[in-house]
Amino acid sequence: MKKQITKISIHQTSKVIALTYIGLAVLFAIIMFIAIGLFGDRGEREYAPLIAGLYLIFMPVVMYLVVALFAVIYNYVAQRFGGIEFVLKEFEEE
């Protein structure tokens, strides 16, 4: 059966993606912290915790805003031209 996504909830979608991205941000912040510690000069090493901390705060906020903008644009386009189509298949649980 074909279905079409005609509207995306802006706040809910943005919130879920931003919260999910926190997991990736933690991983990237750890990698960044280690890389700066190993390869950075002395001045960069002093600011490594600050840089990693700002990244952990800044990136989920940016992701929220980017996804919110995407949802607004998607809703506009889907209203005028139709949404993304996908097919659902029913199956029996084992």
Protein backbone atom coordinates (compact mmCIF):
# COMPACT_ATOMS: atom_id res chain seq x y z
CA MET A 1 0.00 0.00 0.00
CA LYS A 2 1.42 3.39 -0.98
CA LYS A 3 1.54 6.20 1.55
CA GLN A 4 2.71 9.78 1.30
CA ILE A 5 4.29 12.02 3.94
CA THR A 6 2.51 15.32 3.47
CA LYS A 7 3.55 17.11 6.66
CA ILE A 8 6.47 16.86 9.06
CA SER A 9 6.09 18.12 12.63
CA ILE A 10 8.69 20.88 12.90
CA HIS A 11 9.35 20.91 16.65
CA GLN A 12 9.05 17.17 17.29
CA THR A 13 11.25 16.16 14.36
CA SER A 14 13.85 18.81 15.19
CA LYS A 15 13.88 17.81 18.87
CA VAL A 16 14.34 14.11 18.13
CA ILE A 17 17.14 14.69 15.61
CA ALA A 18 18.93 17.17 17.91
CA LEU A 19 18.72 14.77 20.88
CA THR A 20 19.91 11.89 18.70
CA TYR A 21 22.78 14.01 17.46
CA ILE A 22 24.03 14.51 21.02
CA GLY A 23 25.33 10.93 20.91
CA LEU A 24 27.34 11.69 17.80
CA ALA A 25 28.46 15.03 19.22
CA VAL A 26 29.89 13.27 22.29
CA LEU A 27 31.83 10.87 20.07
CA PHE A 28 33.14 13.69 17.84
CA ALA A 29 34.02 15.85 20.87
CA ILE A 30 36.09 13.00 22.37
CA ILE A 31 37.88 12.46 19.05
CA MET A 32 38.46 16.22 18.71
CA PHE A 33 39.76 16.45 22.29
CA ILE A 34 42.21 13.58 21.72
CA ALA A 35 43.33 14.92 18.32
CA ILE A 36 43.99 18.40 19.71
CA GLY A 37 45.87 16.85 22.64
CA LEU A 38 48.04 14.75 20.37
CA PHE A 39 48.59 17.02 17.40
CA GLY A 40 47.79 20.54 18.58
CA ASP A 41 50.35 23.06 19.72
CA ARG A 42 50.51 24.15 23.34
CA GLY A 43 48.00 27.00 22.93
CA GLU A 44 45.45 24.74 21.26
CA ARG A 45 45.83 22.09 23.97
CA GLU A 46 44.91 24.60 26.65
CA TYR A 47 41.58 25.27 24.95
CA ALA A 48 40.78 21.66 24.00
CA PRO A 49 38.21 21.15 26.82
CA LEU A 50 36.52 24.47 25.97
CA ILE A 51 36.39 23.64 22.26
CA ALA A 52 34.97 20.16 22.94
CA GLY A 53 32.42 21.60 25.39
CA LEU A 54 31.26 24.29 22.99
CA TYR A 55 30.94 21.66 20.27
CA LEU A 56 28.70 19.56 22.54
CA ILE A 57 26.43 22.56 23.15
CA PHE A 58 26.57 24.23 19.75
CA MET A 59 26.08 21.29 17.37
CA PRO A 60 22.75 19.97 18.73
CA VAL A 61 21.37 23.53 18.61
CA VAL A 62 22.54 23.90 15.01
CA MET A 63 21.01 20.52 14.12
CA TYR A 64 17.70 21.57 15.66
CA LEU A 65 17.64 24.75 13.57
CA VAL A 66 18.70 22.99 10.36
CA VAL A 67 16.05 20.27 10.76
CA ALA A 68 13.40 22.87 11.62
CA LEU A 69 14.25 24.78 8.44
CA PHE A 70 14.16 21.53 6.45
CA ALA A 71 10.73 20.66 7.89
CA VAL A 72 9.33 24.10 7.02
CA ILE A 73 10.61 23.86 3.44
CA TYR A 74 9.47 20.23 3.12
CA ASN A 75 5.97 21.08 4.33
CA TYR A 76 5.75 23.93 1.80
CA VAL A 77 6.91 21.74 -1.09
CA ALA A 78 4.81 18.72 -0.04
CA GLN A 79 1.67 20.85 0.20
CA ARG A 80 2.09 22.06 -3.37
CA PHE A 81 3.67 19.09 -5.15
CA GLY A 82 3.04 16.07 -2.93
CA GLY A 83 5.19 14.42 -0.32
CA ILE A 84 7.67 11.59 -0.31
CA GLU A 85 5.99 8.33 -1.23
CA PHE A 86 6.77 5.03 0.40
CA VAL A 87 5.26 1.56 0.39
CA LEU A 88 4.14 -0.25 3.54
CA LYS A 89 3.96 -4.00 3.69
CA GLU A 90 2.04 -5.86 6.35
CA PHE A 91 3.61 -8.96 7.81
CA GLU A 92 2.88 -11.43 10.55
CA GLU A 93 4.89 -11.31 13.75
CA GLU A 94 6.74 -14.47 14.68
